[in-house]
Protein backbone atom coordinates (compact mmCIF):
# COMPACT_ATOMS: atom_id res chain seq x y z
CA UNK A 1 -60.96 65.65 20.41
CA UNK A 2 -58.25 66.98 22.75
CA UNK A 3 -55.26 68.17 20.68
CA UNK A 4 -51.82 67.27 21.86
CA UNK A 5 -48.83 69.62 21.11
CA UNK A 6 -47.57 67.36 18.40
CA UNK A 7 -51.02 67.00 16.92
CA UNK A 8 -51.46 70.73 16.64
CA UNK A 9 -48.01 71.12 15.07
CA UNK A 10 -48.73 68.26 12.57
CA UNK A 11 -52.16 69.77 11.60
CA UNK A 12 -50.53 73.20 11.13
CA UNK A 13 -47.74 71.64 9.14
CA UNK A 14 -50.08 69.67 6.96
CA UNK A 15 -51.77 72.86 6.08
CA UNK A 16 -48.45 74.59 5.30
CA UNK A 17 -49.24 77.47 7.64
CA UNK A 18 -47.07 79.55 9.97
CA UNK A 19 -48.13 79.85 13.57
CA UNK A 20 -49.53 83.26 12.89
CA UNK A 21 -51.64 82.03 9.95
CA UNK A 22 -52.87 79.02 11.81
CA UNK A 23 -53.67 81.35 14.84
CA UNK A 24 -55.95 83.42 12.55
CA UNK A 25 -57.92 80.33 11.75
CA UNK A 26 -58.33 79.29 15.36
CA UNK A 27 -58.67 82.81 16.80
CA UNK A 28 -55.37 82.69 18.70
CA UNK A 29 -52.18 84.75 18.66
CA UNK A 30 -49.10 83.22 17.08
CA UNK A 31 -47.49 83.16 20.56
CA UNK A 32 -50.46 81.14 21.86
CA UNK A 33 -50.06 78.61 19.06
CA UNK A 34 -46.38 78.43 19.84
CA UNK A 35 -47.24 77.77 23.49
CA UNK A 36 -49.76 75.08 22.50
CA UNK A 37 -47.14 73.37 20.46
CA UNK A 38 -44.71 73.53 23.32
CA UNK A 39 -47.23 72.05 25.77
CA UNK A 40 -47.32 75.20 27.90
CA UNK A 41 -50.98 75.93 27.21
CA UNK A 42 -54.01 73.98 25.94
CA UNK A 43 -56.63 75.28 23.47
CA UNK A 44 -60.04 76.02 24.74
CA UNK A 45 -62.76 73.47 23.96
CA UNK A 46 -64.13 75.57 21.04
CA UNK A 47 -60.70 75.95 19.55
CA UNK A 48 -60.32 72.08 19.77
CA UNK A 49 -63.62 72.01 17.86
CA UNK A 50 -62.23 74.31 15.18
CA UNK A 51 -59.17 72.20 14.91
CA UNK A 52 -61.32 69.02 14.49
CA UNK A 53 -63.04 70.85 11.60
CA UNK A 54 -59.77 71.88 10.05
CA UNK A 55 -58.46 68.37 10.33
CA UNK A 56 -61.59 67.05 8.65
CA UNK A 57 -61.20 69.57 5.84
CA UNK A 58 -57.53 68.48 5.42
CA UNK A 59 -58.47 64.83 5.20
CA UNK A 60 -61.22 65.61 2.62
CA UNK A 61 -58.78 67.67 0.55
CA UNK A 62 -56.17 64.86 0.70
CA UNK A 63 -58.73 62.31 -0.42
CA UNK A 64 -59.75 64.52 -3.31
CA UNK A 65 -56.04 64.92 -4.29
CA UNK A 66 -55.58 61.22 -4.12
CA UNK A 67 -58.62 60.66 -6.34
CA UNK A 68 -57.12 63.16 -8.85
CA UNK A 69 -53.70 61.57 -8.77
CA UNK A 70 -55.35 58.15 -9.34
CA UNK A 71 -57.26 59.46 -12.28
CA UNK A 72 -54.17 61.14 -13.75
CA UNK A 73 -52.14 57.86 -13.32
CA UNK A 74 -54.98 55.96 -14.89
CA UNK A 75 -54.99 58.36 -17.87
CA UNK A 76 -51.21 58.13 -18.01
CA UNK A 77 -51.32 54.38 -18.19
CA UNK A 78 -54.05 54.51 -20.85
CA UNK A 79 -51.89 57.02 -22.83
CA UNK A 80 -48.82 54.80 -22.53
CA UNK A 81 -50.75 51.78 -23.73
CA UNK A 82 -52.09 53.71 -26.67
CA UNK A 83 -48.61 54.86 -27.53
CA UNK A 84 -47.31 51.30 -27.44
CA UNK A 85 -50.20 50.14 -29.70
CA UNK A 86 -49.58 53.02 -32.14
CA UNK A 87 -45.87 52.20 -32.20
CA UNK A 88 -46.75 48.54 -33.04
CA UNK A 89 -49.13 49.69 -35.81
CA UNK A 90 -46.50 52.00 -37.31
CA UNK A 91 -43.72 49.34 -37.01
CA UNK A 92 -45.96 46.76 -38.73
CA UNK A 93 -46.92 49.20 -41.53
CA UNK A 94 -43.18 50.08 -42.11
CA UNK A 95 -42.26 46.34 -42.14
CA UNK A 96 -45.04 45.61 -44.59
CA UNK A 97 -43.84 48.40 -46.89
CA UNK A 98 -40.29 47.11 -46.78
CA UNK A 99 -41.28 43.75 -47.95
């Protein structure tokens, strides 16, 4: 894939990296990353390939995070349902004792 200036900036931002940190990953100086993001320079083909790999890793990490969130939400819903059932049982027991 040929990376556009905005695409490079979005990829770097999605990783939470500074231009210097991102540059280390793609073997470029921070000023070079800045010039890519401005559109003054374009990455070499091998750097495009590195960014493709980084983007794939970010997508995989996002998918794993979404799976974990879904699991936690599911566990939260199950816990909430259990709490409601427990409250109903306790309420019934208290009402039976009051009669």
